[in-house]
Amino acid sequence: MAPEDVYNRTKNMLKISTDHGAYALGTGNSVQEYVPDENYFAMIQAVHDFR
């Protein structure tokens, strides 16, 4: 999945969740080694842009 896809999916999930209550977004405990850094940063950026 490309960083743009992660960004768009994250923003979409945040929008859906705020329409129906709340949504907890996070890594669970840690970012797995196989997750590309740019995808993790795309998720974080989407959260910041959504605020």
N, C-alpha and C. Protein backbone atom coordinates (compact mmCIF):
# COMPACT_ATOMS: atom_id res chain seq x y z
N MET A 1 0.86 -1.17 0.00
CA MET A 1 0.00 0.00 0.00
C MET A 1 0.91 1.23 0.00
N ALA A 2 0.58 2.17 -0.83
CA ALA A 2 1.36 3.41 -0.94
C ALA A 2 1.01 4.36 0.21
N PRO A 3 1.94 5.24 0.57
CA PRO A 3 1.66 6.20 1.64
C PRO A 3 0.39 7.02 1.39
N GLU A 4 0.12 7.36 0.13
CA GLU A 4 -1.08 8.12 -0.19
C GLU A 4 -2.34 7.32 0.14
N ASP A 5 -2.27 6.02 -0.09
CA ASP A 5 -3.41 5.14 0.23
C ASP A 5 -3.63 5.07 1.74
N VAL A 6 -2.53 4.97 2.49
CA VAL A 6 -2.63 4.94 3.95
C VAL A 6 -3.22 6.25 4.46
N TYR A 7 -2.75 7.35 3.92
CA TYR A 7 -3.24 8.67 4.31
C TYR A 7 -4.75 8.77 4.06
N ASN A 8 -5.17 8.42 2.85
CA ASN A 8 -6.58 8.53 2.48
C ASN A 8 -7.46 7.58 3.29
N ARG A 9 -6.99 6.37 3.51
CA ARG A 9 -7.78 5.41 4.30
C ARG A 9 -7.90 5.88 5.75
N THR A 10 -6.82 6.42 6.29
CA THR A 10 -6.86 6.93 7.67
C THR A 10 -7.86 8.07 7.79
N LYS A 11 -7.80 9.03 6.87
CA LYS A 11 -8.74 10.15 6.93
C LYS A 11 -10.18 9.67 6.77
N ASN A 12 -10.39 8.69 5.90
CA ASN A 12 -11.73 8.16 5.71
C ASN A 12 -12.24 7.48 6.98
N MET A 13 -11.40 6.69 7.63
CA MET A 13 -11.79 6.02 8.87
C MET A 13 -12.09 7.04 9.97
N LEU A 14 -11.32 8.09 10.04
CA LEU A 14 -11.57 9.13 11.03
C LEU A 14 -12.89 9.83 10.77
N LYS A 15 -13.18 10.10 9.50
CA LYS A 15 -14.45 10.76 9.17
C LYS A 15 -15.62 9.86 9.51
N ILE A 16 -15.56 8.60 9.13
CA ILE A 16 -16.63 7.65 9.44
C ILE A 16 -16.84 7.55 10.95
N SER A 17 -15.74 7.48 11.68
CA SER A 17 -15.84 7.28 13.13
C SER A 17 -16.43 8.49 13.83
N THR A 18 -16.10 9.67 13.38
CA THR A 18 -16.64 10.85 14.05
C THR A 18 -18.12 11.02 13.74
N ASP A 19 -18.59 10.43 12.64
CA ASP A 19 -20.02 10.45 12.34
C ASP A 19 -20.79 9.51 13.26
N HIS A 20 -20.09 8.53 13.86
CA HIS A 20 -20.74 7.51 14.67
C HIS A 20 -20.19 7.42 16.10
N GLY A 21 -19.49 8.40 16.55
CA GLY A 21 -18.96 8.37 17.90
C GLY A 21 -17.48 8.70 17.92
N ALA A 22 -16.69 7.74 18.33
CA ALA A 22 -15.25 7.97 18.46
C ALA A 22 -14.47 6.82 17.86
N TYR A 23 -13.19 7.06 17.65
CA TYR A 23 -12.32 6.06 17.04
C TYR A 23 -10.94 6.19 17.66
N ALA A 24 -10.40 5.09 18.11
CA ALA A 24 -9.04 5.09 18.66
C ALA A 24 -8.09 4.64 17.57
N LEU A 25 -7.16 5.49 17.22
CA LEU A 25 -6.20 5.19 16.15
C LEU A 25 -4.82 5.09 16.75
N GLY A 26 -4.16 3.99 16.50
CA GLY A 26 -2.81 3.82 17.01
C GLY A 26 -2.17 2.56 16.46
N THR A 27 -1.00 2.29 16.93
CA THR A 27 -0.25 1.14 16.45
C THR A 27 -0.49 -0.11 17.28
N GLY A 28 -1.18 0.02 18.38
CA GLY A 28 -1.39 -1.11 19.27
C GLY A 28 -0.36 -1.10 20.38
N ASN A 29 0.88 -1.18 20.05
CA ASN A 29 1.94 -1.12 21.05
C ASN A 29 3.23 -0.63 20.41
N SER A 30 3.48 -1.08 19.21
CA SER A 30 4.70 -0.66 18.52
C SER A 30 4.48 -0.77 17.02
N VAL A 31 5.34 -0.14 16.26
CA VAL A 31 5.27 -0.24 14.80
C VAL A 31 6.14 -1.42 14.39
N GLN A 32 5.53 -2.36 13.70
CA GLN A 32 6.26 -3.55 13.27
C GLN A 32 7.35 -3.19 12.26
N GLU A 33 8.41 -3.97 12.24
CA GLU A 33 9.54 -3.69 11.36
C GLU A 33 9.18 -3.70 9.88
N TYR A 34 8.16 -4.48 9.52
CA TYR A 34 7.80 -4.60 8.11
C TYR A 34 6.95 -3.42 7.61
N VAL A 35 6.52 -2.54 8.51
CA VAL A 35 5.74 -1.37 8.10
C VAL A 35 6.71 -0.30 7.62
N PRO A 36 6.55 0.14 6.38
CA PRO A 36 7.44 1.20 5.88
C PRO A 36 7.26 2.49 6.68
N ASP A 37 8.35 3.12 6.99
CA ASP A 37 8.30 4.37 7.76
C ASP A 37 7.35 5.38 7.13
N GLU A 38 7.41 5.51 5.81
CA GLU A 38 6.59 6.51 5.13
C GLU A 38 5.09 6.22 5.29
N ASN A 39 4.71 4.96 5.43
CA ASN A 39 3.30 4.63 5.67
C ASN A 39 2.87 5.02 7.08
N TYR A 40 3.74 4.76 8.04
CA TYR A 40 3.44 5.16 9.42
C TYR A 40 3.32 6.68 9.51
N PHE A 41 4.24 7.40 8.89
CA PHE A 41 4.20 8.86 8.92
C PHE A 41 2.98 9.39 8.19
N ALA A 42 2.52 8.70 7.14
CA ALA A 42 1.32 9.11 6.42
C ALA A 42 0.10 9.01 7.34
N MET A 43 0.03 7.95 8.16
CA MET A 43 -1.07 7.79 9.10
C MET A 43 -1.05 8.93 10.12
N ILE A 44 0.11 9.22 10.65
CA ILE A 44 0.23 10.31 11.64
C ILE A 44 -0.15 11.65 11.02
N GLN A 45 0.29 11.90 9.80
CA GLN A 45 -0.02 13.16 9.12
C GLN A 45 -1.53 13.30 8.91
N ALA A 46 -2.19 12.21 8.55
CA ALA A 46 -3.63 12.24 8.34
C ALA A 46 -4.35 12.63 9.64
N VAL A 47 -3.89 12.12 10.76
CA VAL A 47 -4.49 12.46 12.05
C VAL A 47 -4.32 13.95 12.32
N HIS A 48 -3.12 14.47 12.10
CA HIS A 48 -2.87 15.89 12.34
C HIS A 48 -3.70 16.77 11.41
N ASP A 49 -3.83 16.35 10.15
CA ASP A 49 -4.60 17.14 9.19
C ASP A 49 -6.10 17.07 9.48
N PHE A 50 -6.55 15.99 10.10
CA PHE A 50 -7.96 15.82 10.36
C PHE A 50 -8.47 16.71 11.50
N ARG A 51 -7.60 17.03 12.41
CA ARG A 51 -8.00 17.81 13.59
C ARG A 51 -8.65 19.11 13.23
